[in-house]
N, C-alpha and C. Protein backbone atom coordinates (compact mmCIF):
# COMPACT_ATOMS: atom_id res chain seq x y z
N UNK A 1 44.06 -4.51 0.40
CA UNK A 1 44.57 -3.20 0.72
C UNK A 1 45.57 -2.77 -0.35
N UNK A 2 45.40 -1.58 -0.84
CA UNK A 2 46.26 -1.05 -1.90
C UNK A 2 47.62 -0.65 -1.33
N UNK A 3 48.66 -1.05 -2.00
CA UNK A 3 50.02 -0.68 -1.57
C UNK A 3 50.42 0.61 -2.28
N UNK A 4 50.84 1.58 -1.49
CA UNK A 4 51.26 2.87 -2.03
C UNK A 4 52.77 2.97 -1.98
N UNK A 5 53.33 3.67 -2.93
CA UNK A 5 54.74 3.97 -2.86
C UNK A 5 54.94 5.06 -1.82
N UNK A 6 56.17 5.24 -1.42
CA UNK A 6 56.49 6.29 -0.44
C UNK A 6 56.02 7.66 -0.93
N UNK A 7 56.28 7.98 -2.20
CA UNK A 7 55.90 9.28 -2.75
C UNK A 7 54.38 9.44 -2.81
N UNK A 8 53.68 8.36 -3.16
CA UNK A 8 52.22 8.42 -3.20
C UNK A 8 51.64 8.65 -1.81
N UNK A 9 52.20 7.95 -0.83
CA UNK A 9 51.74 8.12 0.54
C UNK A 9 52.02 9.53 1.04
N UNK A 10 53.21 10.05 0.77
CA UNK A 10 53.54 11.41 1.18
C UNK A 10 52.62 12.44 0.54
N UNK A 11 52.32 12.26 -0.73
CA UNK A 11 51.42 13.18 -1.43
C UNK A 11 50.02 13.12 -0.84
N UNK A 12 49.56 11.92 -0.53
CA UNK A 12 48.23 11.75 0.06
C UNK A 12 48.17 12.42 1.44
N UNK A 13 49.19 12.21 2.25
CA UNK A 13 49.22 12.83 3.58
C UNK A 13 49.32 14.35 3.49
N UNK A 14 50.11 14.85 2.56
CA UNK A 14 50.24 16.30 2.39
C UNK A 14 48.90 16.93 2.03
N UNK A 15 48.13 16.28 1.16
CA UNK A 15 46.79 16.78 0.81
C UNK A 15 45.86 16.74 2.02
N UNK A 16 45.93 15.66 2.76
CA UNK A 16 45.03 15.48 3.91
C UNK A 16 45.27 16.51 5.01
N UNK A 17 46.53 16.86 5.23
CA UNK A 17 46.86 17.75 6.34
C UNK A 17 47.22 19.16 5.91
N UNK A 18 46.97 19.50 4.66
CA UNK A 18 47.27 20.85 4.17
C UNK A 18 46.36 21.87 4.84
N UNK A 19 46.91 23.02 5.12
CA UNK A 19 46.14 24.11 5.71
C UNK A 19 45.59 25.00 4.60
N UNK A 20 44.46 25.63 4.87
CA UNK A 20 43.91 26.59 3.92
C UNK A 20 44.84 27.79 3.78
N UNK A 21 44.69 28.51 2.69
CA UNK A 21 45.46 29.74 2.50
C UNK A 21 44.76 30.88 3.19
N UNK A 22 45.55 31.79 3.71
CA UNK A 22 44.99 33.00 4.31
C UNK A 22 44.48 33.88 3.18
N UNK A 23 43.26 34.39 3.33
CA UNK A 23 42.63 35.21 2.30
C UNK A 23 42.54 36.65 2.74
N UNK A 24 42.48 37.58 1.78
CA UNK A 24 42.24 38.98 2.14
C UNK A 24 40.92 39.06 2.92
N UNK A 25 40.93 39.80 3.99
CA UNK A 25 39.74 39.93 4.81
C UNK A 25 39.73 39.02 6.02
N UNK A 26 40.62 38.02 6.06
CA UNK A 26 40.72 37.17 7.25
C UNK A 26 41.22 38.00 8.43
N UNK A 27 40.71 37.71 9.60
CA UNK A 27 41.09 38.45 10.81
C UNK A 27 41.56 37.44 11.85
N UNK A 28 42.64 37.77 12.56
CA UNK A 28 43.08 36.91 13.66
C UNK A 28 43.01 37.68 14.97
N UNK A 29 43.28 37.00 16.05
CA UNK A 29 43.17 37.59 17.38
C UNK A 29 44.05 38.84 17.51
N UNK A 30 45.27 38.77 17.02
CA UNK A 30 46.19 39.90 17.20
C UNK A 30 45.78 41.11 16.39
N UNK A 31 45.17 40.89 15.24
CA UNK A 31 44.66 42.03 14.45
C UNK A 31 43.53 42.72 15.21
N UNK A 32 42.64 41.93 15.83
CA UNK A 32 41.55 42.51 16.60
C UNK A 32 42.09 43.24 17.83
N UNK A 33 43.13 42.70 18.46
CA UNK A 33 43.75 43.37 19.60
C UNK A 33 44.27 44.76 19.20
N UNK A 34 44.95 44.82 18.06
CA UNK A 34 45.51 46.09 17.60
C UNK A 34 44.40 47.08 17.26
N UNK A 35 43.31 46.59 16.68
CA UNK A 35 42.23 47.48 16.26
C UNK A 35 41.39 47.99 17.43
N UNK A 36 41.29 47.17 18.50
CA UNK A 36 40.39 47.54 19.60
C UNK A 36 41.09 47.93 20.89
N UNK A 37 42.34 47.51 21.06
CA UNK A 37 43.04 47.76 22.31
C UNK A 37 42.62 46.81 23.42
N UNK A 38 41.81 45.82 23.11
CA UNK A 38 41.35 44.85 24.11
C UNK A 38 42.40 43.76 24.29
N UNK A 39 42.29 43.00 25.38
CA UNK A 39 43.26 41.95 25.69
C UNK A 39 43.16 40.79 24.70
N UNK A 40 44.22 39.99 24.68
CA UNK A 40 44.25 38.82 23.82
C UNK A 40 43.10 37.87 24.16
N UNK A 41 42.91 37.61 25.46
CA UNK A 41 41.83 36.69 25.86
C UNK A 41 40.46 37.23 25.49
N UNK A 42 40.24 38.52 25.66
CA UNK A 42 38.94 39.13 25.32
C UNK A 42 38.69 39.01 23.81
N UNK A 43 39.70 39.31 23.01
CA UNK A 43 39.54 39.23 21.55
C UNK A 43 39.30 37.80 21.10
N UNK A 44 40.01 36.85 21.70
CA UNK A 44 39.82 35.44 21.34
C UNK A 44 38.38 35.02 21.69
N UNK A 45 37.90 35.46 22.85
CA UNK A 45 36.54 35.14 23.27
C UNK A 45 35.50 35.73 22.31
N UNK A 46 35.71 36.97 21.91
CA UNK A 46 34.78 37.63 20.97
C UNK A 46 34.70 36.84 19.66
N UNK A 47 35.86 36.49 19.12
CA UNK A 47 35.89 35.78 17.83
C UNK A 47 35.29 34.38 17.95
N UNK A 48 35.59 33.68 19.05
CA UNK A 48 35.02 32.34 19.24
C UNK A 48 33.50 32.40 19.38
N UNK A 49 33.00 33.39 20.10
CA UNK A 49 31.54 33.53 20.26
C UNK A 49 30.87 33.80 18.92
N UNK A 50 31.47 34.66 18.12
CA UNK A 50 30.90 34.97 16.81
C UNK A 50 30.95 33.75 15.89
N UNK A 51 31.99 32.94 16.01
CA UNK A 51 32.07 31.70 15.23
C UNK A 51 31.01 30.71 15.71
N UNK A 52 30.82 30.61 17.01
CA UNK A 52 29.81 29.68 17.56
C UNK A 52 28.40 30.08 17.14
N UNK A 53 28.17 31.38 16.98
CA UNK A 53 26.84 31.85 16.59
C UNK A 53 26.60 31.74 15.08
N UNK A 54 27.66 31.45 14.32
CA UNK A 54 27.52 31.31 12.88
C UNK A 54 27.80 32.59 12.10
N UNK A 55 28.11 33.66 12.81
CA UNK A 55 28.41 34.93 12.14
C UNK A 55 29.76 34.88 11.43
N UNK A 56 30.73 34.17 12.03
CA UNK A 56 32.06 33.99 11.45
C UNK A 56 32.35 32.50 11.34
N UNK A 57 33.32 32.16 10.50
CA UNK A 57 33.82 30.79 10.48
C UNK A 57 35.30 30.82 10.86
N UNK A 58 35.73 29.84 11.64
CA UNK A 58 37.12 29.72 12.05
C UNK A 58 37.84 28.79 11.09
N UNK A 59 39.01 29.22 10.62
CA UNK A 59 39.77 28.44 9.64
C UNK A 59 41.23 28.39 10.09
N UNK A 60 41.83 27.19 10.07
CA UNK A 60 43.25 27.04 10.37
C UNK A 60 44.05 27.33 9.10
N UNK A 61 45.01 28.24 9.20
CA UNK A 61 45.88 28.58 8.09
C UNK A 61 47.32 28.55 8.57
N UNK A 62 48.25 28.57 7.64
CA UNK A 62 49.66 28.62 8.00
C UNK A 62 50.03 30.06 8.31
N UNK A 63 50.57 30.28 9.50
CA UNK A 63 50.97 31.62 9.92
C UNK A 63 52.28 32.04 9.29
N UNK A 64 52.71 33.24 9.62
CA UNK A 64 53.92 33.82 9.04
C UNK A 64 55.17 32.98 9.30
N UNK A 65 55.23 32.29 10.43
CA UNK A 65 56.43 31.53 10.77
C UNK A 65 56.22 30.02 10.60
N UNK A 66 55.21 29.66 9.80
CA UNK A 66 54.98 28.26 9.47
C UNK A 66 54.08 27.52 10.45
N UNK A 67 53.75 28.15 11.55
CA UNK A 67 52.89 27.50 12.54
C UNK A 67 51.42 27.76 12.18
N UNK A 68 50.56 26.78 12.44
CA UNK A 68 49.14 26.99 12.16
C UNK A 68 48.54 28.03 13.11
N UNK A 69 47.69 28.88 12.57
CA UNK A 69 46.95 29.85 13.38
C UNK A 69 45.49 29.80 12.94
N UNK A 70 44.63 30.29 13.80
CA UNK A 70 43.21 30.36 13.47
C UNK A 70 42.88 31.77 13.01
N UNK A 71 42.24 31.87 11.86
CA UNK A 71 41.73 33.15 11.38
C UNK A 71 40.22 33.01 11.25
N UNK A 72 39.57 34.14 11.18
CA UNK A 72 38.11 34.16 11.12
C UNK A 72 37.67 34.87 9.85
N UNK A 73 36.65 34.28 9.23
CA UNK A 73 36.08 34.83 7.99
C UNK A 73 34.60 35.06 8.20
N UNK A 74 34.08 36.02 7.47
CA UNK A 74 32.64 36.28 7.49
C UNK A 74 31.94 35.06 6.91
N UNK A 75 30.91 34.59 7.60
CA UNK A 75 30.14 33.46 7.09
C UNK A 75 29.34 33.92 5.87
N UNK A 76 29.15 33.04 4.94
CA UNK A 76 28.44 33.40 3.71
C UNK A 76 26.96 33.38 3.90
C-alpha cells in the first residue's frame, strides 16, 4: 500500500469530491418555479422525470452559499 503525505491525501480527496461548475444554461428547481409559477415539488418532479427519460441530465454543483445543489442540463 502506497503511503501518501497529508497534502497528497488532501489533494486526492479534493479531486474525488469536487463538484462540477455551474454552466450557462443550467436550470435548477427555483429557476423553473420563477418561470412557471408552479410549486417547488411540481418543478422538482418535472425535472426529475425529464432526467429519468434522458432528456436532461442532473448534475451536482456548488450553490451560491457553498452548499451542493442539483442543476439540470440538456442531454447531448
